[in-house]
Protein backbone atom coordinates (compact mmCIF):
# COMPACT_ATOMS: atom_id res chain seq x y z
CA UNK A 1 0.00 0.00 0.00
CA UNK A 2 1.33 3.41 -0.99
CA UNK A 3 0.81 6.42 1.23
CA UNK A 4 1.17 9.98 -0.04
CA UNK A 5 1.70 12.88 2.35
CA UNK A 6 1.43 16.44 1.10
CA UNK A 7 2.97 19.47 2.78
CA UNK A 8 3.70 23.11 2.07
CA UNK A 9 0.24 24.60 1.86
CA UNK A 10 -0.78 27.73 3.69
CA UNK A 11 -1.90 31.34 3.38
CA UNK A 12 -0.12 33.53 0.86
CA UNK A 13 -0.81 36.95 -0.60
CA UNK A 14 -1.62 37.39 -4.28
CA UNK A 15 1.58 37.41 -6.29
CA UNK A 16 3.36 35.26 -3.76
CA UNK A 17 4.86 31.78 -4.02
CA UNK A 18 4.50 28.41 -2.35
CA UNK A 19 6.19 25.07 -2.86
CA UNK A 20 4.15 21.94 -2.27
CA UNK A 21 5.79 18.60 -1.58
CA UNK A 22 4.37 15.11 -1.70
CA UNK A 23 6.32 12.24 -0.17
CA UNK A 24 5.43 8.68 -1.12
CA UNK A 25 6.03 5.50 0.81
CA UNK A 26 7.01 2.26 -0.82
CA UNK A 27 9.20 1.41 -3.77
CA UNK A 28 6.99 2.03 -6.81
CA UNK A 29 7.23 5.82 -6.99
CA UNK A 30 9.75 6.06 -9.81
CA UNK A 31 7.72 3.79 -12.09
CA UNK A 32 4.55 5.87 -12.15
CA UNK A 33 3.33 9.24 -13.32
CA UNK A 34 2.64 11.71 -10.53
CA UNK A 35 0.34 14.67 -10.50
CA UNK A 36 -1.17 17.51 -8.56
CA UNK A 37 -4.91 18.12 -8.59
CA UNK A 38 -6.93 20.78 -6.84
CA UNK A 39 -10.48 21.26 -5.72
CA UNK A 40 -11.92 24.64 -4.93
CA UNK A 41 -15.13 25.04 -2.91
CA UNK A 42 -18.14 24.15 -5.01
CA UNK A 43 -16.05 22.95 -7.93
CA UNK A 44 -14.90 19.63 -9.28
CA UNK A 45 -11.40 18.34 -8.76
CA UNK A 46 -9.16 19.33 -11.66
CA UNK A 47 -5.70 18.42 -12.87
CA UNK A 48 -3.13 21.11 -12.21
CA UNK A 49 0.09 19.46 -13.39
CA UNK A 50 1.45 16.01 -14.09
CA UNK A 51 4.85 14.45 -14.66
CA UNK A 52 5.55 11.06 -16.17
CA UNK A 53 8.18 8.61 -15.02
CA UNK A 54 10.29 9.99 -17.86
CA UNK A 55 9.77 13.56 -16.60
CA UNK A 56 7.46 14.69 -19.38
CA UNK A 57 5.25 17.40 -17.91
CA UNK A 58 1.73 18.63 -18.58
CA UNK A 59 -0.04 21.67 -17.15
CA UNK A 60 -3.51 23.10 -17.00
CA UNK A 61 -3.77 26.20 -19.14
CA UNK A 62 -4.63 28.27 -16.07
CA UNK A 63 -1.25 27.60 -14.45
CA UNK A 64 1.13 27.44 -17.43
CA UNK A 65 4.09 29.73 -16.93
CA UNK A 66 3.39 30.09 -13.20
CA UNK A 67 3.60 26.55 -11.78
CA UNK A 68 6.37 23.97 -12.19
CA UNK A 69 6.09 20.30 -11.34
CA UNK A 70 9.19 18.23 -10.65
CA UNK A 71 10.12 14.93 -9.06
CA UNK A 72 13.03 13.48 -7.11
CA UNK A 73 12.89 9.71 -7.43
CA UNK A 74 15.70 9.25 -4.91
CA UNK A 75 13.48 10.92 -2.30
CA UNK A 76 10.18 9.48 -3.56
CA UNK A 77 8.90 13.04 -3.72
CA UNK A 78 7.03 15.19 -6.22
CA UNK A 79 6.99 18.97 -5.96
CA UNK A 80 4.81 21.79 -7.21
CA UNK A 81 6.42 25.22 -7.29
CA UNK A 82 3.68 27.83 -7.49
CA UNK A 83 4.58 31.41 -8.38
CA UNK A 84 2.50 34.51 -9.11
CA UNK A 85 -0.36 33.05 -7.14
CA UNK A 86 -3.85 34.38 -7.72
CA UNK A 87 -6.98 34.26 -5.60
CA UNK A 88 -8.44 31.72 -8.02
CA UNK A 89 -5.64 29.31 -7.11
CA UNK A 90 -7.23 28.91 -3.68
CA UNK A 91 -8.10 25.23 -3.26
CA UNK A 92 -7.19 22.00 -1.58
CA UNK A 93 -4.29 20.51 -3.52
CA UNK A 94 -4.04 16.75 -3.80
CA UNK A 95 -1.10 14.62 -4.81
CA UNK A 96 -1.70 11.61 -7.05
CA UNK A 97 0.47 8.70 -8.07
CA UNK A 98 -0.51 6.39 -10.87
CA UNK A 99 -3.35 8.33 -12.47
CA UNK A 100 -6.72 9.65 -11.37
CA UNK A 101 -8.68 6.50 -12.20
CA UNK A 102 -6.75 3.80 -10.36
CA UNK A 103 -3.94 5.59 -8.58
CA UNK A 104 -3.16 6.64 -5.06
CA UNK A 105 -4.18 9.92 -3.43
CA UNK A 106 -2.95 12.02 -0.58
CA UNK A 107 -5.27 13.71 1.90
CA UNK A 108 -4.62 17.16 0.48
CA UNK A 109 -3.12 20.44 1.62
CA UNK A 110 -4.99 23.74 1.67
CA UNK A 111 -3.66 26.70 -0.29
CA UNK A 112 -5.32 30.03 0.39
CA UNK A 113 -4.39 33.06 -1.69
CA UNK A 114 -5.72 36.18 -0.05
CA UNK A 115 -4.65 39.63 1.03
């Protein structure tokens, strides 16, 4: 069983930055794609960014140029660097390993962008 633990969320002013981390247990991390999703109040969960085992990345249009996903297979960790944050980025951010349909999920970390 794989466990994912997110960290790094919090309150930040518009224009600020945060770096989310997601640490995975077990030995399968390097073999699977990893991703960050978010869910804002009253909205469906949406993909923010994903990275394959070969480090090919994909971003939602709303975060392109502002967010960067990366992974460190030696540390079983995936990161999301978030810059130029906007109020509409406020959401619970979830880490995923292995895809949204059959993969593993973390419990989420809250990001609030507000002045």
